[in-house]
Protein backbone atom coordinates (compact mmCIF):
# COMPACT_ATOMS: atom_id res chain seq x y z
CA UNK A 1 22.77 -6.52 -4.28
CA UNK A 2 23.35 -2.79 -3.80
CA UNK A 3 23.39 -1.39 -0.34
CA UNK A 4 21.55 -2.84 2.68
CA UNK A 5 18.22 -4.37 2.98
CA UNK A 6 15.68 -1.49 3.13
CA UNK A 7 11.90 -2.09 3.44
CA UNK A 8 9.68 0.31 1.62
CA UNK A 9 5.97 0.63 0.80
CA UNK A 10 5.05 -1.14 -2.56
CA UNK A 11 3.74 1.08 -5.40
CA UNK A 12 0.99 0.12 -7.94
CA UNK A 13 3.68 0.02 -10.60
CA UNK A 14 5.20 -2.81 -8.77
CA UNK A 15 2.26 -5.10 -9.24
CA UNK A 16 3.59 -6.90 -12.16
CA UNK A 17 6.93 -7.83 -10.44
CA UNK A 18 5.05 -8.79 -7.27
CA UNK A 19 2.85 -11.12 -9.38
CA UNK A 20 6.12 -12.66 -10.71
CA UNK A 21 7.33 -13.31 -7.30
CA UNK A 22 4.06 -14.76 -6.28
CA UNK A 23 3.95 -17.06 -9.28
CA UNK A 24 7.53 -18.14 -8.71
CA UNK A 25 6.74 -19.07 -5.24
CA UNK A 26 3.45 -20.85 -5.54
CA UNK A 27 3.79 -22.34 -8.94
CA UNK A 28 1.35 -23.28 -11.63
CA UNK A 29 -1.33 -24.56 -9.21
CA UNK A 30 -2.15 -20.94 -8.20
CA UNK A 31 -5.50 -19.77 -9.69
CA UNK A 32 -5.04 -17.22 -12.35
CA UNK A 33 -7.33 -14.66 -10.66
CA UNK A 34 -4.98 -14.47 -7.78
CA UNK A 35 -2.41 -12.80 -10.28
CA UNK A 36 -4.71 -10.37 -11.88
CA UNK A 37 -4.05 -6.76 -11.36
CA UNK A 38 -7.57 -5.78 -9.85
CA UNK A 39 -7.31 -8.54 -7.24
CA UNK A 40 -3.71 -7.48 -6.25
CA UNK A 41 -4.81 -3.95 -6.09
CA UNK A 42 -7.75 -4.75 -3.85
CA UNK A 43 -5.56 -6.69 -1.50
CA UNK A 44 -2.59 -4.34 -1.35
CA UNK A 45 -3.84 -0.84 -2.18
CA UNK A 46 -7.59 -0.32 -2.11
CA UNK A 47 -8.32 1.77 1.06
CA UNK A 48 -9.60 -0.16 4.13
CA UNK A 49 -11.63 1.52 6.89
CA UNK A 50 -9.58 -0.48 9.52
CA UNK A 51 -6.09 0.67 8.42
CA UNK A 52 -4.23 3.86 7.68
CA UNK A 53 -1.20 4.03 5.60
CA UNK A 54 0.48 1.35 3.37
CA UNK A 55 -0.27 -2.40 3.66
CA UNK A 56 2.00 -3.80 1.00
CA UNK A 57 5.83 -3.55 1.62
CA UNK A 58 8.76 -4.75 -0.60
CA UNK A 59 12.68 -5.00 -0.47
CA UNK A 60 14.07 -4.18 -3.88
CA UNK A 61 17.29 -4.06 -5.70
CA UNK A 62 16.71 -1.56 -8.50
CA UNK A 63 13.60 -2.59 -10.30
CA UNK A 64 13.81 -6.30 -9.02
CA UNK A 65 11.70 -6.98 -6.04
CA UNK A 66 13.55 -9.35 -3.56
CA UNK A 67 10.80 -9.65 -0.86
CA UNK A 68 7.27 -8.80 -0.27
CA UNK A 69 4.80 -9.01 2.64
CA UNK A 70 1.24 -7.50 3.32
CA UNK A 71 -0.57 -6.55 6.41
CA UNK A 72 -3.99 -8.03 6.70
CA UNK A 73 -5.55 -5.78 9.61
CA UNK A 74 -7.67 -7.29 12.32
CA UNK A 75 -8.99 -5.62 15.45
CA UNK A 76 -10.69 -7.51 18.26
CA UNK A 77 -13.36 -6.31 20.66
CA UNK A 78 -13.53 -7.85 24.16
CA UNK A 79 -13.93 -7.13 27.86
CA UNK A 80 -10.36 -5.68 27.94
CA UNK A 81 -11.15 -3.18 25.17
CA UNK A 82 -10.11 -3.08 21.56
CA UNK A 83 -6.91 -4.78 20.49
CA UNK A 84 -5.43 -3.92 17.16
CA UNK A 85 -3.56 -6.63 15.45
CA UNK A 86 -2.48 -7.95 12.03
CA UNK A 87 -2.08 -11.21 10.10
CA UNK A 88 0.83 -11.01 7.69
CA UNK A 89 0.12 -12.50 4.14
CA UNK A 90 1.93 -12.92 0.91
CA UNK A 91 5.12 -13.24 2.54
CA UNK A 92 7.55 -13.96 -0.28
CA UNK A 93 11.37 -13.81 -0.46
CA UNK A 94 13.99 -14.40 -3.06
CA UNK A 95 15.83 -17.55 -1.72
CA UNK A 96 19.14 -16.42 -3.20
CA UNK A 97 19.20 -13.37 -0.81
CA UNK A 98 19.74 -14.73 2.75
CA UNK A 99 17.97 -12.74 5.45
CA UNK A 100 15.69 -10.69 3.08
CA UNK A 101 12.53 -12.62 4.08
CA UNK A 102 13.07 -12.15 7.95
CA UNK A 103 13.93 -8.43 7.44
CA UNK A 104 10.52 -7.65 5.79
CA UNK A 105 8.59 -9.73 8.28
CA UNK A 106 10.12 -8.15 11.34
CA UNK A 107 9.50 -4.73 9.77
CA UNK A 108 5.84 -5.56 9.53
CA UNK A 109 5.60 -6.97 13.01
CA UNK A 110 6.36 -3.42 14.33
CA UNK A 111 3.39 -1.87 12.59
CA UNK A 112 0.85 -3.15 15.16
CA UNK A 113 1.24 -4.29 18.85
CA UNK A 114 -0.08 -7.66 18.14
CA UNK A 115 0.51 -10.15 15.32
CA UNK A 116 -1.24 -13.39 14.60
CA UNK A 117 0.02 -16.12 12.42
CA UNK A 118 -2.38 -18.88 11.26
CA UNK A 119 -0.84 -22.08 9.85
CA UNK A 120 1.95 -21.40 7.42
CA UNK A 121 4.59 -23.18 5.60
CA UNK A 122 6.85 -25.60 7.58
CA UNK A 123 9.68 -23.12 7.28
CA UNK A 124 7.36 -20.32 8.83
CA UNK A 125 6.40 -22.47 11.65
CA UNK A 126 9.99 -23.30 12.47
CA UNK A 127 10.96 -19.59 12.20
CA UNK A 128 8.15 -17.79 14.03
CA UNK A 129 9.02 -19.05 17.59
CA UNK A 130 12.57 -17.83 17.14
CA UNK A 131 11.33 -14.20 16.62
CA UNK A 132 8.97 -13.88 19.58
CA UNK A 133 5.87 -15.94 18.53
CA UNK A 134 4.18 -18.05 21.17
CA UNK A 135 1.48 -20.78 20.73
CA UNK A 136 -1.93 -19.35 21.12
CA UNK A 137 -4.35 -22.03 19.95
CA UNK A 138 -5.76 -24.02 17.08
CA UNK A 139 -8.05 -23.00 14.19
CA UNK A 140 -10.07 -26.04 13.29
CA UNK A 141 -12.04 -26.44 9.96
CA UNK A 142 -15.26 -28.29 9.94
CA UNK A 143 -17.21 -29.45 6.96
CA UNK A 144 -20.67 -31.02 6.07
CA UNK A 145 -21.27 -32.82 2.78
CA UNK A 146 -24.41 -31.49 0.89
CA UNK A 147 -24.17 -33.04 -2.71
CA UNK A 148 -21.81 -35.93 -2.68
CA UNK A 149 -22.49 -36.97 -6.35
CA UNK A 150 -21.95 -33.56 -7.70
CA UNK A 151 -18.88 -33.35 -5.57
CA UNK A 152 -17.61 -36.55 -7.05
CA UNK A 153 -18.40 -35.40 -10.60
CA UNK A 154 -16.54 -32.13 -10.40
CA UNK A 155 -13.62 -33.17 -8.28
CA UNK A 156 -10.25 -33.71 -9.98
CA UNK A 157 -9.99 -37.53 -10.04
CA UNK A 158 -7.15 -39.55 -8.86
CA UNK A 159 -7.34 -43.37 -8.78
CA UNK A 160 -10.89 -44.39 -9.54
CA UNK A 161 -11.08 -46.84 -6.69
CA UNK A 162 -10.14 -44.14 -4.18
CA UNK A 163 -12.68 -41.80 -5.77
CA UNK A 164 -15.43 -44.32 -5.29
CA UNK A 165 -14.56 -45.19 -1.86
CA UNK A 166 -14.61 -41.27 -1.03
CA UNK A 167 -18.01 -41.01 -2.76
CA UNK A 168 -19.41 -43.86 -0.65
CA UNK A 169 -18.08 -42.22 2.66
CA UNK A 170 -19.46 -38.80 1.68
CA UNK A 171 -22.85 -40.24 0.73
CA UNK A 172 -22.97 -41.72 4.25
CA UNK A 173 -21.98 -38.49 5.86
CA UNK A 174 -24.69 -36.73 3.80
CA UNK A 175 -27.42 -38.74 5.52
CA UNK A 176 -29.63 -36.68 7.87
CA UNK A 177 -31.25 -33.40 7.29
CA UNK A 178 -29.57 -30.01 8.25
CA UNK A 179 -31.07 -28.98 11.58
CA UNK A 180 -33.43 -26.15 11.65
CA UNK A 181 -32.74 -22.87 13.70
CA UNK A 182 -34.88 -22.30 16.74
CA UNK A 183 -38.21 -20.76 16.28
CA UNK A 184 -37.99 -17.06 15.44
CA UNK A 185 -34.61 -17.20 13.71
CA UNK A 186 -34.24 -16.77 10.00
CA UNK A 187 -31.74 -15.38 7.50
CA UNK A 188 -32.44 -12.73 4.84
CA UNK A 189 -30.17 -12.16 1.94
CA UNK A 190 -29.42 -8.34 1.56
CA UNK A 191 -27.56 -6.00 -0.66
CA UNK A 192 -27.32 -3.12 1.88
CA UNK A 193 -24.96 -3.79 4.82
CA UNK A 194 -26.34 -2.60 8.04
CA UNK A 195 -24.59 -1.34 11.18
CA UNK A 196 -25.13 -3.46 14.24
CA UNK A 197 -23.88 -1.59 17.25
CA UNK A 198 -23.40 -3.80 20.27
CA UNK A 199 -21.44 -3.95 23.46
CA UNK A 200 -18.30 -6.08 23.33
CA UNK A 201 -18.68 -9.66 24.43
CA UNK A 202 -17.57 -10.66 27.92
CA UNK A 203 -16.43 -14.34 27.41
CA UNK A 204 -14.47 -13.95 24.13
CA UNK A 205 -12.90 -11.65 21.71
CA UNK A 206 -14.47 -11.03 18.38
CA UNK A 207 -13.24 -9.11 15.25
CA UNK A 208 -14.44 -5.52 14.97
CA UNK A 209 -16.74 -5.08 11.97
CA UNK A 210 -18.27 -1.98 10.36
CA UNK A 211 -20.54 -1.63 7.37
CA UNK A 212 -17.44 -0.27 5.42
CA UNK A 213 -15.38 -3.15 6.47
CA UNK A 214 -17.93 -5.73 5.31
CA UNK A 215 -18.35 -3.81 2.05
CA UNK A 216 -14.59 -4.02 1.54
CA UNK A 217 -14.86 -7.70 1.97
CA UNK A 218 -17.82 -8.11 -0.35
CA UNK A 219 -15.85 -6.15 -3.08
CA UNK A 220 -13.03 -8.88 -3.27
CA UNK A 221 -12.67 -9.50 -7.12
CA UNK A 222 -11.62 -13.22 -6.27
CA UNK A 223 -14.50 -14.05 -4.19
CA UNK A 224 -18.29 -14.06 -4.76
CA UNK A 225 -19.30 -13.31 -1.09
CA UNK A 226 -22.95 -13.11 -0.06
CA UNK A 227 -24.23 -11.09 2.82
CA UNK A 228 -27.30 -12.22 4.92
CA UNK A 229 -28.98 -10.62 7.90
CA UNK A 230 -29.83 -12.70 10.90
CA UNK A 231 -33.33 -12.01 12.20
CA UNK A 232 -34.83 -13.12 15.44
CA UNK A 233 -38.60 -12.57 15.89
CA UNK A 234 -38.60 -9.86 13.30
CA UNK A 235 -35.54 -8.02 14.80
CA UNK A 236 -32.11 -7.93 13.12
CA UNK A 237 -29.65 -9.71 15.49
CA UNK A 238 -26.54 -10.04 13.50
CA UNK A 239 -25.36 -11.26 10.00
CA UNK A 240 -23.20 -13.75 8.29
CA UNK A 241 -21.12 -13.84 5.07
CA UNK A 242 -20.83 -16.92 2.70
CA UNK A 243 -18.31 -17.32 -0.10
CA UNK A 244 -19.02 -20.07 -2.61
CA UNK A 245 -16.03 -21.20 -4.59
CA UNK A 246 -15.48 -24.24 -6.73
CA UNK A 247 -18.23 -26.24 -5.28
CA UNK A 248 -17.35 -25.45 -1.58
CA UNK A 249 -19.30 -22.85 0.23
CA UNK A 250 -17.60 -21.27 3.07
CA UNK A 251 -19.26 -19.64 6.14
CA UNK A 252 -16.43 -16.89 6.49
CA UNK A 253 -17.98 -14.57 9.05
CA UNK A 254 -20.72 -14.95 11.67
CA UNK A 255 -21.77 -12.21 14.08
CA UNK A 256 -24.62 -12.56 16.69
CA UNK A 257 -25.34 -10.02 19.24
CA UNK A 258 -25.71 -12.45 21.98
CA UNK A 259 -23.40 -14.60 24.14
CA UNK A 260 -26.06 -17.33 24.56
CA UNK A 261 -24.91 -20.57 22.82
CA UNK A 262 -28.39 -21.39 21.64
CA UNK A 263 -28.46 -18.18 19.68
CA UNK A 264 -25.11 -18.92 18.09
CA UNK A 265 -26.40 -22.40 17.26
CA UNK A 266 -29.29 -21.04 15.39
CA UNK A 267 -27.17 -18.46 13.63
CA UNK A 268 -24.89 -21.21 12.23
CA UNK A 269 -27.88 -23.40 11.30
CA UNK A 270 -29.25 -20.37 9.42
CA UNK A 271 -25.91 -19.99 7.61
CA UNK A 272 -25.38 -23.70 6.86
CA UNK A 273 -28.97 -23.87 5.32
CA UNK A 274 -28.37 -20.82 3.23
CA UNK A 275 -25.16 -22.33 1.90
CA UNK A 276 -26.81 -25.62 1.25
CA UNK A 277 -29.65 -23.83 -0.87
CA UNK A 278 -27.03 -22.54 -3.31
CA UNK A 279 -27.16 -25.08 -6.20
CA UNK A 280 -23.28 -25.13 -6.59
CA UNK A 281 -22.76 -26.17 -3.06
CA UNK A 282 -21.20 -29.60 -2.70
CA UNK A 283 -19.84 -29.09 0.87
CA UNK A 284 -20.07 -26.47 3.58
CA UNK A 285 -17.05 -25.42 5.55
CA UNK A 286 -16.57 -23.21 8.50
CA UNK A 287 -13.48 -22.54 10.70
CA UNK A 288 -13.26 -21.60 14.40
CA UNK A 289 -10.83 -21.50 17.37
CA UNK A 290 -13.46 -21.61 20.14
CA UNK A 291 -14.32 -25.09 21.66
CA UNK A 292 -17.93 -24.22 22.27
CA UNK A 293 -18.47 -23.31 18.63
CA UNK A 294 -16.79 -26.65 17.52
CA UNK A 295 -19.25 -28.45 19.79
CA UNK A 296 -22.10 -26.53 18.12
CA UNK A 297 -20.85 -27.51 14.70
CA UNK A 298 -20.26 -31.29 15.70
CA UNK A 299 -23.84 -31.47 17.14
CA UNK A 300 -25.15 -30.27 13.72
CA UNK A 301 -23.29 -32.92 11.82
CA UNK A 302 -20.06 -30.97 10.80
CA UNK A 303 -16.92 -33.19 10.90
CA UNK A 304 -13.44 -31.76 11.75
CA UNK A 305 -11.43 -31.76 8.48
CA UNK A 306 -8.23 -29.92 9.47
CA UNK A 307 -6.52 -27.74 11.93
CA UNK A 308 -3.92 -24.94 11.73
CA UNK A 309 -1.75 -23.77 14.77
CA UNK A 310 -2.26 -20.15 15.75
CA UNK A 311 0.83 -18.38 17.19
CA UNK A 312 0.79 -14.90 18.71
CA UNK A 313 3.42 -12.02 18.77
CA UNK A 314 2.31 -9.90 21.68
CA UNK A 315 5.31 -8.25 23.50
CA UNK A 316 3.18 -5.69 25.15
CA UNK A 317 0.89 -8.48 26.69
CA UNK A 318 -2.29 -6.82 25.28
CA UNK A 319 -4.04 -10.19 25.32
CA UNK A 320 -2.53 -11.52 28.62
CA UNK A 321 -5.55 -12.63 30.68
CA UNK A 322 -8.01 -11.88 27.91
CA UNK A 323 -10.63 -14.49 27.01
CA UNK A 324 -9.93 -16.43 23.79
CA UNK A 325 -10.44 -14.85 20.31
CA UNK A 326 -13.27 -16.09 18.03
CA UNK A 327 -11.06 -16.26 14.85
CA UNK A 328 -12.98 -16.80 11.64
CA UNK A 329 -11.89 -17.03 7.98
CA UNK A 330 -12.13 -13.26 7.33
CA UNK A 331 -9.54 -12.63 9.94
CA UNK A 332 -7.09 -13.86 7.41
CA UNK A 333 -6.87 -14.52 3.81
CA UNK A 334 -8.25 -17.97 4.39
CA UNK A 335 -11.77 -16.71 3.24
CA UNK A 336 -10.71 -16.48 -0.42
CA UNK A 337 -7.74 -18.70 -0.93
CA UNK A 338 -8.26 -21.99 -2.62
CA UNK A 339 -6.64 -24.54 -4.87
CA UNK A 340 -8.36 -25.99 -7.98
CA UNK A 341 -6.32 -29.27 -7.52
CA UNK A 342 -7.81 -29.57 -3.90
CA UNK A 343 -11.20 -28.07 -3.86
CA UNK A 344 -12.83 -29.93 -1.12
CA UNK A 345 -11.91 -31.00 2.43
CA UNK A 346 -14.25 -33.99 2.53
C-alpha cells in the first residue's frame, strides 16, 4: 500500500468498488437489491435534511478501496435539548491491511459528538469498548404471529419435523385477537407527510423527525414503507411507519405527541392492526429500548424474540443525566436490513 491510511469522502464512481467490498464481506446471502446502485446512492449520497456534507467515507489504495463506513445520522429531542448523534453502518475493511478498519471508524466518530452502536459483529463488540464506547442499554425485538400457515409455507425449510413443531407453536401464539385501541384512536394511511410540531418529551429522548426526513425514509429503494397518520377524536396526534418485507411487517417508527402510556398503547395497537391487515403479513415485529414500551407490547401479545446491546460514545457527556432514549428501527439501518435465509423471528 502506498503512503499512510487517509480517510476521504467516497464518490459516486466508487459505488461499484464499494459494492464489491460489501459482497466480499457479507457473502451470497446478501439480497441483490442491497448491491443495486440506486439503493447505494440513496444510502450514501442522496441529500438528507438532517445532515450536511458527506456521509460515505473510504480508505483507498489507488482505485482499490480498502475500507468503507457510512454515517447514519440521528438527532434526539428531550428535556436537555437536542443531541446530534450518529450510528455507523456498512463498516467494511480489507482484512489483509491491519488497522484500516479502526482508522476509518475513529475518523467517523469525530464527525458528531455522540455515536451509538447497536448490536454488531462479535469482533465489533470486542473492539468498541477499547475505543471509548460504554454500555448504554438493550434494544429488544418483539414479534406477534399473524398468519402461521402462510409463514410455514413461505419459510425456507430445514428439517421437516422442526418446521412442523414451529408451526404448532406459532399457531398457539396466534390465538387471541389483536387488541383494539382505546375509543377515539384510529390510523389513516396517507401519501402526504404532515409536520407535527410538539414540545420535546420530559421523560425520554426521541428521534427528531421532520416531513423531509420521513420522506427520505419513504424513498428507500430497498423498502416498501407505508405512512399512517394517528388520529384521536378527529385530531392528528402522531404517525407511524410500516415496512413490510418478505412476510414480516416491521413497525419501524412510532410518534405520539403524548407522554401518557395509554396513548402510546393505542398507537402501537393501531400500528399492529394496520400491519396485520396487509395480506402479506405473517408476523409483526417492533423494537424498543424502553422498558415501559416493552411492557405495552407484552400486554398485547408480543413476545420478545431478540436483543442487541447498545453502546455509547459520548466523550462530552451530552447524555449524562438525560432520560433514556426511545430507540426505534429507523434510528439505524435495522429498518431495511433482512436476510432471505432467516425472514422471521418467530
